[in-house]
Protein backbone atom coordinates (compact mmCIF):
# COMPACT_ATOMS: atom_id res chain seq x y z
CA MET A 1 -0.01 0.02 -0.06
CA ASP A 2 1.34 3.39 -1.10
CA LYS A 3 1.77 6.46 1.30
CA LEU A 4 -1.38 8.19 -0.04
CA ALA A 5 -3.58 5.05 0.56
CA GLN A 6 -2.06 4.68 3.91
CA LEU A 7 -2.85 8.24 4.96
CA LYS A 8 -6.48 7.89 3.52
CA ASP A 9 -6.82 4.77 5.70
CA VAL A 10 -5.54 6.70 8.87
CA ILE A 11 -7.68 9.58 8.29
CA THR A 12 -10.83 7.53 7.67
CA GLN A 13 -10.36 5.45 10.75
CA GLU A 14 -9.63 8.63 12.88
CA ILE A 15 -12.96 10.39 11.59
CA THR A 16 -14.95 7.29 12.05
CA ARG A 17 -13.75 7.05 15.61
CA HIS A 18 -14.30 10.84 16.18
CA PHE A 19 -17.88 10.58 14.97
CA GLU A 20 -18.86 7.62 17.17
CA GLY A 21 -21.87 8.70 19.22
CA THR A 22 -22.73 11.68 16.93
CA ASP A 23 -25.21 12.22 14.17
CA LEU A 24 -22.19 12.89 11.87
CA PHE A 25 -20.86 10.43 9.16
CA LEU A 26 -17.99 10.34 6.84
CA VAL A 27 -18.88 10.21 3.08
CA GLU A 28 -15.50 10.35 1.36
CA VAL A 29 -11.82 10.93 1.78
CA ASN A 30 -9.49 11.90 -0.89
CA VAL A 31 -5.75 12.16 -0.50
CA LEU A 32 -4.19 13.76 -3.49
CA PRO A 33 -0.50 13.58 -4.60
CA ASN A 34 -0.11 17.49 -4.54
CA GLY A 35 -0.62 17.39 -0.83
CA LYS A 36 -4.35 18.25 -0.78
CA ILE A 37 -6.62 16.26 1.59
CA GLU A 38 -10.32 16.50 1.05
CA ILE A 39 -12.72 15.35 3.74
CA PHE A 40 -16.48 15.16 2.95
CA ALA A 41 -18.80 14.52 5.79
CA ASP A 42 -22.53 15.07 6.44
CA GLY A 43 -24.99 14.55 9.18
CA THR A 44 -28.29 13.01 9.78
CA VAL A 45 -29.81 16.31 9.47
CA ASN A 46 -27.08 18.47 7.89
CA ILE A 47 -23.69 19.27 8.65
CA THR A 48 -22.90 22.95 9.60
CA ILE A 49 -19.86 25.28 8.75
CA ASP A 50 -18.84 25.16 12.44
CA GLN A 51 -18.93 21.38 12.54
CA CYS A 52 -16.60 21.27 9.48
CA ALA A 53 -14.21 23.75 10.99
CA ALA A 54 -14.23 21.54 14.27
CA ILE A 55 -13.41 18.42 12.22
CA SER A 56 -10.75 20.21 10.27
CA ARG A 57 -9.13 21.40 13.58
CA HIS A 58 -9.29 17.81 15.09
CA ILE A 59 -7.85 16.09 12.04
CA GLU A 60 -5.15 18.70 11.46
CA HIS A 61 -4.12 18.20 15.29
CA TYR A 62 -4.24 14.61 14.91
CA LEU A 63 -2.18 14.19 11.73
CA GLU A 64 0.60 16.75 12.75
CA SER A 65 0.97 15.40 16.30
CA ASN A 66 1.28 11.92 15.12
CA GLY A 67 3.85 12.92 12.28
CA TYR A 68 1.64 11.82 9.38
CA VAL A 69 1.95 14.99 7.51
CA GLY A 70 4.71 17.58 6.74
CA GLU A 71 4.50 21.21 6.66
CA LYS A 72 3.07 21.39 3.15
CA TYR A 73 -0.40 20.09 2.72
CA THR A 74 -3.90 21.44 2.33
CA LEU A 75 -6.81 20.29 4.31
CA GLU A 76 -10.40 20.90 3.30
CA VAL A 77 -13.42 19.59 5.22
CA SER A 78 -16.99 20.21 3.77
CA SER A 79 -20.17 18.55 3.03
CA PRO A 80 -20.40 16.53 -0.18
CA GLY A 81 -22.28 19.24 -2.13
CA MET A 82 -25.94 19.26 -3.37
CA ASP A 83 -25.06 18.09 -6.89
CA GLN A 84 -23.00 15.17 -5.81
CA PRO A 85 -24.16 11.59 -6.10
CA LEU A 86 -25.14 9.62 -2.99
CA LYS A 87 -22.23 7.20 -2.08
CA THR A 88 -22.94 5.85 1.51
CA ALA A 89 -25.61 3.82 3.13
CA ARG A 90 -26.31 6.67 5.52
CA GLN A 91 -26.84 9.04 2.72
CA TYR A 92 -29.34 6.68 1.30
CA GLN A 93 -30.73 6.43 4.72
CA LYS A 94 -31.02 10.38 5.07
CA HIS A 95 -32.71 10.81 1.61
CA THR A 96 -35.21 7.85 2.12
CA GLY A 97 -38.73 9.49 1.61
CA LYS A 98 -37.27 12.24 -0.61
CA ASP A 99 -37.27 12.71 -4.31
CA VAL A 100 -33.99 11.68 -6.25
CA ASP A 101 -32.67 11.58 -9.82
CA VAL A 102 -31.40 8.36 -10.99
CA VAL A 103 -29.19 7.86 -14.17
CA LEU A 104 -29.03 4.47 -15.25
CA LYS A 105 -26.05 3.04 -17.09
CA ASN A 106 -28.29 2.67 -20.27
CA GLY A 107 -28.86 6.58 -20.32
CA ASN A 108 -32.46 6.53 -18.98
CA LYS A 109 -33.06 9.35 -16.30
CA ILE A 110 -35.58 8.72 -13.58
CA THR A 111 -37.01 10.99 -10.93
CA GLY A 112 -38.68 9.31 -8.00
CA THR A 113 -39.24 9.01 -4.31
CA LEU A 114 -36.56 6.86 -2.56
CA LEU A 115 -38.68 4.30 -0.68
CA ALA A 116 -36.13 1.81 0.38
CA PHE A 117 -32.50 0.55 -0.31
CA ASP A 118 -30.32 -2.40 0.55
CA GLU A 119 -26.95 -3.61 -0.75
CA GLU A 120 -28.24 -4.71 -3.90
CA LYS A 121 -30.88 -2.24 -5.07
CA ILE A 122 -33.09 0.94 -4.43
CA THR A 123 -36.80 1.06 -4.43
CA LEU A 124 -38.40 4.14 -6.16
CA GLN A 125 -42.02 5.42 -6.56
CA VAL A 126 -41.24 6.70 -9.98
CA ILE A 127 -42.51 10.31 -10.71
CA GLU A 128 -40.93 10.86 -14.19
CA GLU A 129 -39.00 8.56 -16.56
CA LYS A 130 -37.09 9.98 -19.63
CA LYS A 131 -36.01 7.32 -22.10
CA LYS A 132 -32.74 7.64 -24.02
CA LYS A 133 -34.35 6.36 -27.12
CA LYS A 134 -37.65 7.56 -28.71
CA LYS A 135 -40.80 6.67 -26.62
CA THR A 136 -42.76 3.67 -27.99
CA ASP A 137 -46.48 2.94 -27.79
CA THR A 138 -45.98 0.14 -25.41
CA GLU A 139 -44.13 2.27 -22.91
CA GLU A 140 -45.58 1.55 -19.48
CA THR A 141 -46.29 4.12 -16.79
CA ALA A 142 -46.32 2.12 -13.68
CA ASP A 143 -47.79 3.26 -10.41
CA ALA A 144 -46.35 0.42 -8.27
CA PRO A 145 -42.75 0.96 -6.75
CA GLN A 146 -40.04 -0.07 -8.83
CA ASP A 147 -36.65 -1.76 -7.83
CA PHE A 148 -33.35 -0.56 -9.60
CA PRO A 149 -30.19 -2.78 -8.89
CA PHE A 150 -27.19 -0.75 -8.17
CA GLU A 151 -25.08 -2.70 -10.91
CA ALA A 152 -27.63 -0.87 -13.44
CA ILE A 153 -27.30 2.58 -11.92
CA LYS A 154 -24.69 5.09 -12.90
CA SER A 155 -25.58 7.73 -10.12
CA VAL A 156 -28.38 8.81 -7.78
CA LYS A 157 -28.55 12.30 -6.67
CA LYS A 158 -30.97 14.52 -4.58
CA HIS A 159 -33.71 15.92 -6.82
CA PHE A 160 -34.09 19.65 -6.98
CA ASN A 161 -37.11 21.30 -8.34
CA PHE A 162 -36.39 24.80 -9.56
CA LYS A 163 -39.94 25.43 -10.72
CA LEU A 164 -41.78 28.02 -8.69
């Protein structure tokens, strides 16, 4: 394992330990060759700027006091961003009951309410489905919830309705 991967593991373990007993959870850690460390965290409700600042101070102190980093590195702690795909079970849990946009690997785009998820699939109450190819006369508009296996999904993102 190279140094970047080792540092990523160390940071992941420390943040996971640091979040125990809180409503915060780790989404992703990126350790880049240019010395930049990106930490994306979220909360059951939402993560605040003050919480991100506290995480940054904690990780900075932890890394420096244990000799994991030198003087030249950049540390950024933030939420994953509204336009980023869901990546963890805790994110899916947080968005259960809310509308999401799903892009399938075949190019179809689906908007629906996330009803459930497990390791293999998500279940949606489909609101709208846009086919990549032209619509056919036999296209179904089902009212029943539909399952979509993760192996067929390219991305799942929070849905934003910009219509007033």
